[in-house]
């Protein structure tokens, strides 16, 4: 059953209340009415309304006072104000106080319905942005980012130390290694987290537009400049600007960037007066900037300004131990994006993922998993969902072997599959077996109990559970099936 949209109408005219109530109920709205301000505020505090339609001129508490008190109480419901005695000044005052829209009485039925529809779309967009911001913050949290590679652990430690400083950071490394994610991490783990984070790909914007986009322009400064334009540096004031592919920045714009880093001032195109900005700059490049400096394509003074804190991100092929955690992270991400409920990969598919060289780094892994999650029919990604990887990395003989291993759920895997050292799990079983404790079926029951504990502690994230137990993910798949722990 579709939930009705709740509307609150505030007006001292009984005839208008009746007319609007009939109209909106016919359109499927659930309507509440209030004849005065005190009653309206109580209704707003107790009810979850989608929109408020409020008259401005009323005895006692007027509409603007109701709006003011509602905003003071933290009520975010959009207000549409209306008045039969409205002026431009009244409308502007209502908008300044936080009203979404303004209507002059009398109005047509189509007009109020259109305004309500627009308010509804705006509120839905606000909620979607709020959810998106929460997701971005969560994905960009150092606490939520798991790494086992020593170099990546060092990088996370550096990020924690430098996040709150304004010092410029230069991220280097191959394309697709996740430099953009690290830039977001630095921003969202700093005191600037509630301020803008503006990413700019310096190689994706045409050179003739790049200066205006970065620094802004004045009206009439060039053909087509019909109004003043705020550049991305001004838009990022108080926050962070991420200049990806900084090595693509033309020499003439490198001079302007150097001035911003030195003086904190932006000169719009066609303007002689500087605009003060307080922005943290994070730059990234896949190029060797020292070589670019020697070749005369990158200014040496700008390089040293950018190279205050340097973080070199290793390619994925050099940190294979992080792949299981990245797989879990990306599956969670795409489940939200695609509305899927994929749990994990079959052992054969996971083995193929681990064996791949990932020359396109994290970006390639991300693309492969997104495609697989679109194509998968069940809740596990199998070899058939990874055709490009199968074609690229397996011979006919190997493909046949893998297909025999890829039965969903790990069926058919023998107990001796993956005879790797079982670490903590094996040690605990051995300690109790060799002790004075006598429990029937001790080894089986203890093993089952330890797996349950690890799965619960990891929130049923199997990669992390396997890490806690000191066994491979493949071995854990088999044990989960063996003990019916799905």
Protein backbone atom coordinates (compact mmCIF):
# COMPACT_ATOMS: atom_id res chain seq x y z
CA UNK A 1 0.00 0.00 0.00
CA UNK A 2 1.39 3.42 -0.99
CA UNK A 3 1.81 5.72 1.98
CA UNK A 4 -0.14 8.98 1.63
CA UNK A 5 1.74 12.28 1.67
CA UNK A 6 0.87 14.35 4.74
CA UNK A 7 0.14 18.07 4.32
CA UNK A 8 -0.49 20.65 7.05
CA UNK A 9 -2.56 23.74 6.10
CA UNK A 10 -2.40 26.76 8.44
CA UNK A 11 -4.98 29.53 7.87
CA UNK A 12 -7.61 31.42 9.91
CA UNK A 13 -10.10 31.37 7.00
CA UNK A 14 -12.41 28.37 7.38
CA UNK A 15 -13.56 28.53 3.76
CA UNK A 16 -10.00 28.27 2.43
CA UNK A 17 -9.19 25.40 4.79
CA UNK A 18 -12.25 23.49 3.52
CA UNK A 19 -11.51 24.21 -0.13
CA UNK A 20 -7.85 23.12 0.07
CA UNK A 21 -8.71 20.07 2.18
CA UNK A 22 -11.20 18.80 -0.41
CA UNK A 23 -8.84 19.51 -3.32
CA UNK A 24 -5.80 17.85 -1.78
CA UNK A 25 -7.63 14.81 -0.45
CA UNK A 26 -8.93 14.18 -3.98
CA UNK A 27 -5.28 14.20 -5.12
CA UNK A 28 -4.37 11.53 -2.55
CA UNK A 29 -2.91 13.70 0.20
CA UNK A 30 -3.56 13.17 3.92
CA UNK A 31 -4.56 16.64 5.12
CA UNK A 32 -4.40 18.22 8.60
CA UNK A 33 -5.52 21.80 9.33
CA UNK A 34 -4.71 24.43 11.99
CA UNK A 35 -6.50 27.75 12.53
CA UNK A 36 -3.75 29.36 14.63
CA UNK A 37 0.00 29.33 15.24
CA UNK A 38 0.13 27.56 18.62
CA UNK A 39 -1.94 24.63 17.37
CA UNK A 40 0.15 24.49 14.18
CA UNK A 41 3.48 24.27 16.03
CA UNK A 42 2.18 21.43 18.22
CA UNK A 43 1.07 19.58 15.09
CA UNK A 44 4.48 20.11 13.46
CA UNK A 45 6.32 18.74 16.50
CA UNK A 46 4.21 15.61 16.67
CA UNK A 47 3.51 14.89 12.98
CA UNK A 48 5.75 13.89 10.10
CA UNK A 49 4.52 16.30 7.41
CA UNK A 50 5.89 16.44 3.90
CA UNK A 51 4.88 20.07 3.26
CA UNK A 52 3.30 22.99 5.15
CA UNK A 53 1.00 25.49 3.40
CA UNK A 54 0.80 28.58 5.64
CA UNK A 55 -0.98 31.95 5.42
CA UNK A 56 1.12 34.98 6.39
CA UNK A 57 -1.54 37.33 7.79
CA UNK A 58 -3.32 35.78 10.77
CA UNK A 59 -4.42 37.16 14.18
CA UNK A 60 -2.05 36.45 17.05
CA UNK A 61 0.97 34.60 15.72
CA UNK A 62 1.40 35.35 12.02
CA UNK A 63 2.80 33.01 9.38
CA UNK A 64 6.33 34.44 9.42
CA UNK A 65 6.54 33.92 13.19
CA UNK A 66 5.35 30.31 12.78
CA UNK A 67 8.04 29.79 10.12
CA UNK A 68 10.70 31.35 12.36
CA UNK A 69 9.79 29.20 15.38
CA UNK A 70 9.64 26.04 13.27
CA UNK A 71 13.16 26.66 11.92
CA UNK A 72 14.40 27.41 15.48
CA UNK A 73 13.05 24.01 16.60
CA UNK A 74 14.97 22.32 13.78
CA UNK A 75 11.88 21.43 11.71
CA UNK A 76 13.05 20.97 8.10
CA UNK A 77 9.60 20.53 6.48
CA UNK A 78 9.28 22.84 3.41
CA UNK A 79 6.93 25.83 3.92
CA UNK A 80 4.83 27.30 1.10
CA UNK A 81 3.69 30.75 2.28
CA UNK A 82 0.56 32.49 0.91
CA UNK A 83 -1.08 35.90 1.30
CA UNK A 84 -3.82 38.03 -0.26
CA UNK A 85 -1.89 41.16 0.68
CA UNK A 86 1.51 40.13 -0.57
CA UNK A 87 4.21 42.41 -1.87
CA UNK A 88 7.63 41.68 -3.30
CA UNK A 89 9.17 42.66 0.06
CA UNK A 90 6.93 40.19 1.93
CA UNK A 91 7.85 37.37 -0.44
CA UNK A 92 11.57 38.12 -0.13
CA UNK A 93 11.33 38.23 3.67
CA UNK A 94 9.60 34.83 3.71
CA UNK A 95 12.28 33.33 1.45
CA UNK A 96 15.07 34.84 3.56
CA UNK A 97 13.57 33.17 6.64
CA UNK A 98 13.69 29.77 4.96
CA UNK A 99 10.37 29.40 3.12
CA UNK A 100 10.52 27.14 0.07
CA UNK A 101 7.92 29.04 -2.01
CA UNK A 102 5.37 31.87 -1.99
CA UNK A 103 1.84 32.14 -3.43
CA UNK A 104 -0.45 35.14 -3.93
CA UNK A 105 -4.14 34.63 -3.11
CA UNK A 106 -6.33 33.86 -4.93
CA UNK A 107 -4.64 31.05 -6.85
CA UNK A 108 -5.72 28.29 -9.23
CA UNK A 109 -5.93 24.65 -8.12
CA UNK A 110 -3.29 23.69 -10.71
CA UNK A 111 -0.89 26.26 -9.25
CA UNK A 112 -0.96 24.92 -5.66
CA UNK A 113 -0.67 21.33 -6.92
CA UNK A 114 2.37 22.26 -9.04
CA UNK A 115 4.06 24.01 -6.11
CA UNK A 116 3.44 20.99 -3.85
CA UNK A 117 4.92 18.67 -6.49
CA UNK A 118 8.03 20.85 -6.77
CA UNK A 119 8.40 20.96 -2.96
CA UNK A 120 8.07 17.18 -2.83
CA UNK A 121 10.80 16.68 -5.44
CA UNK A 122 13.08 19.13 -3.64
CA UNK A 123 12.58 17.33 -0.31
CA UNK A 124 13.27 13.93 -1.90
CA UNK A 125 16.47 15.34 -3.41
CA UNK A 126 17.53 16.73 -0.02
CA UNK A 127 17.01 13.34 1.64
CA UNK A 128 18.86 11.53 -1.16
CA UNK A 129 21.79 13.95 -0.82
CA UNK A 130 21.79 13.42 2.95
CA UNK A 131 21.93 9.64 2.50
CA UNK A 132 24.62 9.99 -0.19
CA UNK A 133 26.71 12.22 2.11
CA UNK A 134 26.44 9.65 4.90
CA UNK A 135 27.54 6.89 2.52
CA UNK A 136 30.47 8.97 1.22
CA UNK A 137 31.56 9.83 4.78
CA UNK A 138 31.31 6.18 5.80
CA UNK A 139 33.26 4.96 2.75
CA UNK A 140 35.87 7.68 3.34
CA UNK A 141 36.41 6.89 7.02
CA UNK A 142 39.88 5.68 8.00
CA UNK A 143 38.19 3.48 10.64
CA UNK A 144 36.15 1.66 7.98
CA UNK A 145 39.08 1.15 5.60
CA UNK A 146 40.80 -2.20 6.18
CA UNK A 147 44.35 -2.80 4.94
CA UNK A 148 46.81 -5.61 5.58
CA UNK A 149 49.60 -4.43 3.29
CA UNK A 150 52.40 -2.75 5.28
CA UNK A 151 52.72 0.18 2.88
CA UNK A 152 48.97 0.86 2.96
CA UNK A 153 48.96 0.69 6.77
CA UNK A 154 51.72 3.32 6.79
CA UNK A 155 49.69 5.49 4.39
CA UNK A 156 46.64 5.31 6.67
CA UNK A 157 48.82 6.36 9.61
CA UNK A 158 50.13 9.33 7.61
CA UNK A 159 46.56 10.35 6.70
CA UNK A 160 45.54 10.36 10.37
CA UNK A 161 48.51 12.59 11.22
CA UNK A 162 48.15 15.14 8.40
CA UNK A 163 44.35 15.31 8.02
CA UNK A 164 43.86 18.34 10.27
CA UNK A 165 46.72 20.40 8.86
CA UNK A 166 46.38 22.73 5.87
CA UNK A 167 49.64 21.47 4.34
CA UNK A 168 49.44 20.62 0.65
CA UNK A 169 49.48 16.89 -0.14
CA UNK A 170 50.74 15.24 -3.33
CA UNK A 171 49.38 11.76 -4.08
CA UNK A 172 51.41 9.79 -6.62
CA UNK A 173 51.02 6.34 -8.12
CA UNK A 174 49.68 4.50 -11.13
CA UNK A 175 46.28 5.35 -12.55
CA UNK A 176 43.43 3.60 -10.75
CA UNK A 177 45.20 2.94 -7.46
CA UNK A 178 42.58 4.83 -5.41
CA UNK A 179 44.20 8.25 -5.03
CA UNK A 180 40.76 9.90 -5.21
CA UNK A 181 39.52 7.77 -2.29
CA UNK A 182 42.55 8.75 -0.21
CA UNK A 183 41.91 12.43 -1.00
CA UNK A 184 38.33 12.06 0.26
CA UNK A 185 39.63 10.24 3.31
CA UNK A 186 41.93 13.14 4.16
CA UNK A 187 39.07 15.64 3.81
CA UNK A 188 36.35 13.69 5.64
CA UNK A 189 38.67 12.80 8.54
CA UNK A 190 39.64 16.44 9.10
CA UNK A 191 38.01 19.43 10.77
CA UNK A 192 36.94 20.52 7.25
CA UNK A 193 34.60 17.52 6.81
CA UNK A 194 31.43 19.66 6.82
CA UNK A 195 32.86 22.10 4.29
CA UNK A 196 32.98 21.52 0.49
CA UNK A 197 35.13 18.83 -1.10
CA UNK A 198 35.59 19.80 -4.78
CA UNK A 199 37.25 17.22 -7.09
CA UNK A 200 38.65 18.49 -10.40
CA UNK A 201 40.16 16.35 -13.16
CA UNK A 202 42.66 18.74 -14.75
CA UNK A 203 43.00 16.51 -17.80
CA UNK A 204 39.26 16.20 -18.50
CA UNK A 205 38.40 19.92 -18.91
CA UNK A 206 39.33 21.57 -22.25
CA UNK A 207 42.28 23.95 -21.83
CA UNK A 208 40.30 26.97 -23.07
CA UNK A 209 37.69 26.41 -20.32
CA UNK A 210 39.95 25.26 -17.51
CA UNK A 211 41.05 28.73 -16.31
CA UNK A 212 37.46 29.97 -16.04
CA UNK A 213 36.35 26.77 -14.28
CA UNK A 214 39.15 26.88 -11.72
CA UNK A 215 39.38 30.61 -11.03
CA UNK A 216 36.07 32.07 -12.27
CA UNK A 217 35.46 35.04 -14.58
CA UNK A 218 33.85 38.46 -14.67
CA UNK A 219 30.90 39.36 -16.86
CA UNK A 220 32.06 40.49 -20.32
CA UNK A 221 35.63 39.24 -19.87
CA UNK A 222 35.33 37.13 -23.04
CA UNK A 223 32.74 36.15 -25.64
CA UNK A 224 29.99 34.21 -23.91
CA UNK A 225 30.71 35.55 -20.41
CA UNK A 226 27.18 36.85 -19.86
CA UNK A 227 27.44 36.95 -16.06
CA UNK A 228 29.96 36.68 -13.22
CA UNK A 229 31.09 33.10 -12.64
CA UNK A 230 32.44 31.74 -9.34
CA UNK A 231 35.36 29.37 -9.92
CA UNK A 232 35.96 26.05 -8.19
CA UNK A 233 38.58 27.50 -5.83
CA UNK A 234 36.02 29.99 -4.50
CA UNK A 235 33.39 27.23 -4.31
CA UNK A 236 35.80 25.19 -2.16
CA UNK A 237 36.43 28.08 0.28
CA UNK A 238 36.88 26.68 3.80
CA UNK A 239 37.15 23.14 2.46
CA UNK A 240 39.34 21.08 0.14
CA UNK A 241 39.98 21.13 -3.60
CA UNK A 242 41.34 17.91 -5.11
CA UNK A 243 43.33 18.53 -8.29
CA UNK A 244 43.54 15.14 -9.97
CA UNK A 245 45.97 14.68 -12.89
CA UNK A 246 47.84 17.83 -11.84
CA UNK A 247 50.56 16.98 -14.37
CA UNK A 248 48.10 17.91 -17.15
CA UNK A 249 47.80 21.53 -15.94
CA UNK A 250 49.11 23.98 -18.63
CA UNK A 251 52.12 26.12 -17.71
CA UNK A 252 50.19 29.41 -17.76
CA UNK A 253 47.70 28.05 -15.20
CA UNK A 254 50.52 26.62 -13.08
CA UNK A 255 51.55 30.24 -12.41
CA UNK A 256 48.04 31.12 -11.16
CA UNK A 257 47.92 28.01 -8.96
CA UNK A 258 51.31 28.93 -7.48
CA UNK A 259 49.93 32.38 -6.57
CA UNK A 260 46.98 30.81 -4.75
CA UNK A 261 49.27 28.51 -2.78
CA UNK A 262 51.56 31.41 -1.86
CA UNK A 263 49.05 34.22 -1.19
CA UNK A 264 45.65 32.54 -0.78
CA UNK A 265 44.22 34.82 -3.49
CA UNK A 266 42.27 34.03 -6.67
CA UNK A 267 42.10 36.37 -9.67
CA UNK A 268 39.01 35.80 -11.78
CA UNK A 269 39.45 36.06 -15.55
CA UNK A 270 38.92 39.74 -16.49
CA UNK A 271 39.21 41.03 -12.90
CA UNK A 272 42.06 43.03 -11.35
CA UNK A 273 40.95 42.57 -7.75
CA UNK A 274 41.90 39.36 -5.93
CA UNK A 275 39.39 37.25 -3.99
CA UNK A 276 40.67 35.77 -0.70
CA UNK A 277 40.15 32.01 -0.34
CA UNK A 278 41.06 29.58 2.44
CA UNK A 279 41.39 26.21 0.71
CA UNK A 280 43.37 23.08 1.32
CA UNK A 281 44.91 21.69 -1.89
CA UNK A 282 45.39 17.98 -2.49
CA UNK A 283 46.97 17.11 -5.85
CA UNK A 284 47.39 13.75 -7.56
CA UNK A 285 49.25 12.49 -10.59
CA UNK A 286 50.23 9.28 -12.33
CA UNK A 287 53.15 11.11 -13.98
CA UNK A 288 56.73 11.42 -12.76
CA UNK A 289 56.64 15.12 -11.86
CA UNK A 290 60.40 15.31 -11.29
CA UNK A 291 60.89 14.14 -14.89
CA UNK A 292 58.27 16.68 -16.03
CA UNK A 293 60.21 19.43 -14.22
CA UNK A 294 63.46 18.38 -15.93
CA UNK A 295 61.67 18.40 -19.30
CA UNK A 296 60.39 21.93 -18.65
CA UNK A 297 56.72 20.90 -18.69
CA UNK A 298 56.10 21.50 -14.98
CA UNK A 299 57.28 24.44 -12.89
CA UNK A 300 59.88 23.51 -10.30
CA UNK A 301 58.64 26.09 -7.76
CA UNK A 302 55.09 24.72 -8.05
CA UNK A 303 56.35 21.16 -7.63
CA UNK A 304 58.00 22.03 -4.31
CA UNK A 305 54.85 23.86 -3.17
CA UNK A 306 52.77 20.76 -3.87
CA UNK A 307 55.29 18.24 -2.58
CA UNK A 308 54.98 19.17 1.13
CA UNK A 309 53.52 15.81 2.19
CA UNK A 310 53.99 13.12 -0.44
CA UNK A 311 52.07 9.85 -0.41
CA UNK A 312 52.96 7.21 -2.99
CA UNK A 313 50.16 4.67 -3.46
CA UNK A 314 51.45 1.19 -4.44
CA UNK A 315 49.76 -0.67 -7.33
CA UNK A 316 47.27 -3.40 -6.45
CA UNK A 317 49.56 -6.17 -7.73
CA UNK A 318 52.01 -5.24 -4.94
CA UNK A 319 49.35 -5.46 -2.21
CA UNK A 320 47.44 -8.63 -3.03
CA UNK A 321 46.72 -9.17 0.67
CA UNK A 322 44.32 -6.20 0.50
CA UNK A 323 42.24 -7.71 -2.32
CA UNK A 324 39.84 -9.70 -0.06
CA UNK A 325 38.98 -6.57 1.92
CA UNK A 326 38.55 -4.49 -1.24
CA UNK A 327 36.23 -7.18 -2.64
CA UNK A 328 34.05 -7.05 0.49
CA UNK A 329 34.06 -3.23 0.44
CA UNK A 330 33.05 -3.10 -3.23
CA UNK A 331 30.34 -5.76 -2.87
CA UNK A 332 28.78 -3.72 -0.04
CA UNK A 333 29.04 -0.57 -2.16
CA UNK A 334 27.41 -2.09 -5.24
CA UNK A 335 24.70 -3.82 -3.21
CA UNK A 336 23.58 -0.34 -2.15
CA UNK A 337 24.00 1.13 -5.62
CA UNK A 338 22.29 -1.68 -7.55
CA UNK A 339 19.77 -2.80 -4.95
CA UNK A 340 21.31 -6.30 -4.90
CA UNK A 341 21.92 -8.78 -2.07
CA UNK A 342 25.13 -10.42 -3.23
CA UNK A 343 26.97 -12.05 -0.33
CA UNK A 344 30.34 -13.05 -1.77
CA UNK A 345 32.12 -15.07 -4.48
CA UNK A 346 32.37 -18.80 -5.04
CA UNK A 347 35.80 -20.24 -4.15
CA UNK A 348 36.75 -20.60 -7.84
CA UNK A 349 35.76 -17.01 -8.65
CA UNK A 350 37.58 -15.70 -5.61
CA UNK A 351 40.74 -17.63 -6.57
CA UNK A 352 40.59 -16.09 -10.05
CA UNK A 353 40.24 -12.59 -8.55
CA UNK A 354 43.30 -13.18 -6.36
CA UNK A 355 45.39 -14.51 -9.26
CA UNK A 356 44.69 -11.62 -11.63
CA UNK A 357 47.44 -9.01 -12.13
CA UNK A 358 45.03 -6.02 -12.01
CA UNK A 359 47.06 -3.79 -14.30
CA UNK A 360 44.22 -1.27 -14.07
CA UNK A 361 44.49 -1.45 -10.27
CA UNK A 362 41.53 -0.80 -7.96
CA UNK A 363 39.55 0.90 -10.75
CA UNK A 364 39.73 -2.26 -12.87
CA UNK A 365 38.71 -4.45 -9.91
CA UNK A 366 35.80 -2.09 -9.26
CA UNK A 367 34.63 -2.25 -12.89
CA UNK A 368 34.90 -6.05 -13.01
CA UNK A 369 32.90 -6.50 -9.80
CA UNK A 370 30.21 -4.00 -10.81
CA UNK A 371 29.69 -5.85 -14.10
CA UNK A 372 29.65 -9.21 -12.31
CA UNK A 373 27.06 -8.00 -9.80
CA UNK A 374 24.83 -6.78 -12.64
CA UNK A 375 25.09 -10.16 -14.40
CA UNK A 376 24.87 -12.51 -11.39
CA UNK A 377 21.56 -14.35 -10.89
CA UNK A 378 22.00 -15.58 -7.34
CA UNK A 379 23.73 -14.22 -4.26
CA UNK A 380 27.25 -15.39 -5.19
CA UNK A 381 29.48 -14.29 -8.03
CA UNK A 382 30.74 -17.30 -10.01
CA UNK A 383 33.17 -17.85 -12.89
CA UNK A 384 30.38 -17.40 -15.45
CA UNK A 385 29.93 -13.84 -14.14
CA UNK A 386 33.63 -13.08 -14.82
CA UNK A 387 34.00 -14.01 -18.50
CA UNK A 388 36.70 -11.45 -19.30
CA UNK A 389 38.94 -12.64 -16.47
CA UNK A 390 38.38 -16.31 -17.38
CA UNK A 391 39.31 -15.60 -21.02
CA UNK A 392 42.36 -13.58 -20.03
CA UNK A 393 43.92 -15.65 -17.27
CA UNK A 394 42.98 -19.30 -17.83
CA UNK A 395 43.94 -21.97 -20.33
CA UNK A 396 41.32 -24.55 -21.40
CA UNK A 397 42.73 -27.07 -18.92
CA UNK A 398 42.68 -24.60 -16.04
CA UNK A 399 39.19 -23.42 -16.94
CA UNK A 400 37.89 -27.02 -16.74
CA UNK A 401 39.53 -27.45 -13.34
CA UNK A 402 38.07 -24.22 -12.02
CA UNK A 403 34.57 -25.02 -13.22
CA UNK A 404 34.63 -28.22 -11.19
CA UNK A 405 35.44 -26.16 -8.10
CA UNK A 406 32.86 -23.46 -8.66
CA UNK A 407 29.73 -25.19 -7.37
CA UNK A 408 27.76 -22.52 -5.45
CA UNK A 409 28.21 -22.80 -1.71
CA UNK A 410 31.39 -24.82 -2.03
CA UNK A 411 29.60 -28.19 -2.63
CA UNK A 412 31.99 -30.86 -3.70
CA UNK A 413 35.04 -29.39 -1.95
CA UNK A 414 36.78 -32.22 -0.07
CA UNK A 415 37.59 -31.85 3.66
CA UNK A 416 41.26 -31.71 2.79
CA UNK A 417 40.70 -28.71 0.47
CA UNK A 418 43.18 -26.00 1.27
CA UNK A 419 45.47 -27.64 3.82
CA UNK A 420 46.93 -24.33 4.97
CA UNK A 421 47.97 -23.69 8.54
CA UNK A 422 44.77 -22.97 10.47
CA UNK A 423 46.43 -20.55 12.86
CA UNK A 424 44.28 -19.55 15.83
CA UNK A 425 41.60 -22.15 15.07
CA UNK A 426 44.09 -25.02 14.94
CA UNK A 427 45.95 -23.81 18.04
CA UNK A 428 42.78 -23.62 20.15
CA UNK A 429 41.66 -27.11 19.10
CA UNK A 430 45.10 -28.55 19.86
CA UNK A 431 45.32 -26.84 23.28
CA UNK A 432 42.00 -28.28 24.47
CA UNK A 433 42.62 -31.69 22.92
CA UNK A 434 45.88 -32.03 24.82
CA UNK A 435 44.45 -30.77 28.11
CA UNK A 436 42.58 -32.52 30.90
CA UNK A 437 39.14 -31.49 29.63
CA UNK A 438 36.98 -34.36 28.37
CA UNK A 439 34.10 -33.38 26.09
CA UNK A 440 32.48 -35.70 23.53
CA UNK A 441 33.21 -34.61 19.95
CA UNK A 442 35.43 -31.83 21.39
CA UNK A 443 37.29 -30.95 18.19
CA UNK A 444 34.18 -30.72 16.03
CA UNK A 445 32.13 -28.73 18.53
CA UNK A 446 35.00 -26.37 19.37
CA UNK A 447 35.79 -25.74 15.72
CA UNK A 448 32.13 -25.03 14.98
CA UNK A 449 31.86 -22.69 18.01
CA UNK A 450 35.01 -20.74 17.09
CA UNK A 451 33.77 -20.25 13.52
CA UNK A 452 30.43 -18.97 14.85
CA UNK A 453 32.22 -16.51 17.16
CA UNK A 454 34.44 -15.22 14.33
CA UNK A 455 31.46 -14.81 11.98
CA UNK A 456 29.50 -12.86 14.59
CA UNK A 457 32.47 -10.66 15.54
CA UNK A 458 33.03 -9.82 11.87
CA UNK A 459 29.36 -9.12 11.19
CA UNK A 460 29.29 -12.21 8.91
CA UNK A 461 32.00 -10.73 6.72
CA UNK A 462 33.71 -13.94 5.66
CA UNK A 463 37.01 -12.41 4.61
CA UNK A 464 37.42 -10.84 8.05
CA UNK A 465 36.20 -13.99 9.82
CA UNK A 466 38.80 -16.06 7.93
CA UNK A 467 41.46 -13.54 8.96
CA UNK A 468 40.43 -13.80 12.63
CA UNK A 469 40.58 -17.60 12.47
CA UNK A 470 43.89 -17.70 10.62
CA UNK A 471 42.50 -19.82 7.76
CA UNK A 472 41.92 -19.13 4.11
CA UNK A 473 38.60 -17.81 2.87
CA UNK A 474 38.18 -20.95 0.78
CA UNK A 475 38.63 -23.19 3.82
CA UNK A 476 36.08 -21.10 5.72
CA UNK A 477 33.56 -21.53 2.86
CA UNK A 478 33.85 -25.29 3.22
CA UNK A 479 33.52 -25.22 7.04
CA UNK A 480 30.46 -22.97 6.91
CA UNK A 481 28.80 -25.44 4.55
CA UNK A 482 29.95 -28.46 6.59
CA UNK A 483 28.45 -27.12 9.83
CA UNK A 484 25.38 -25.61 8.15
CA UNK A 485 26.20 -22.09 9.39
CA UNK A 486 24.61 -20.17 6.50
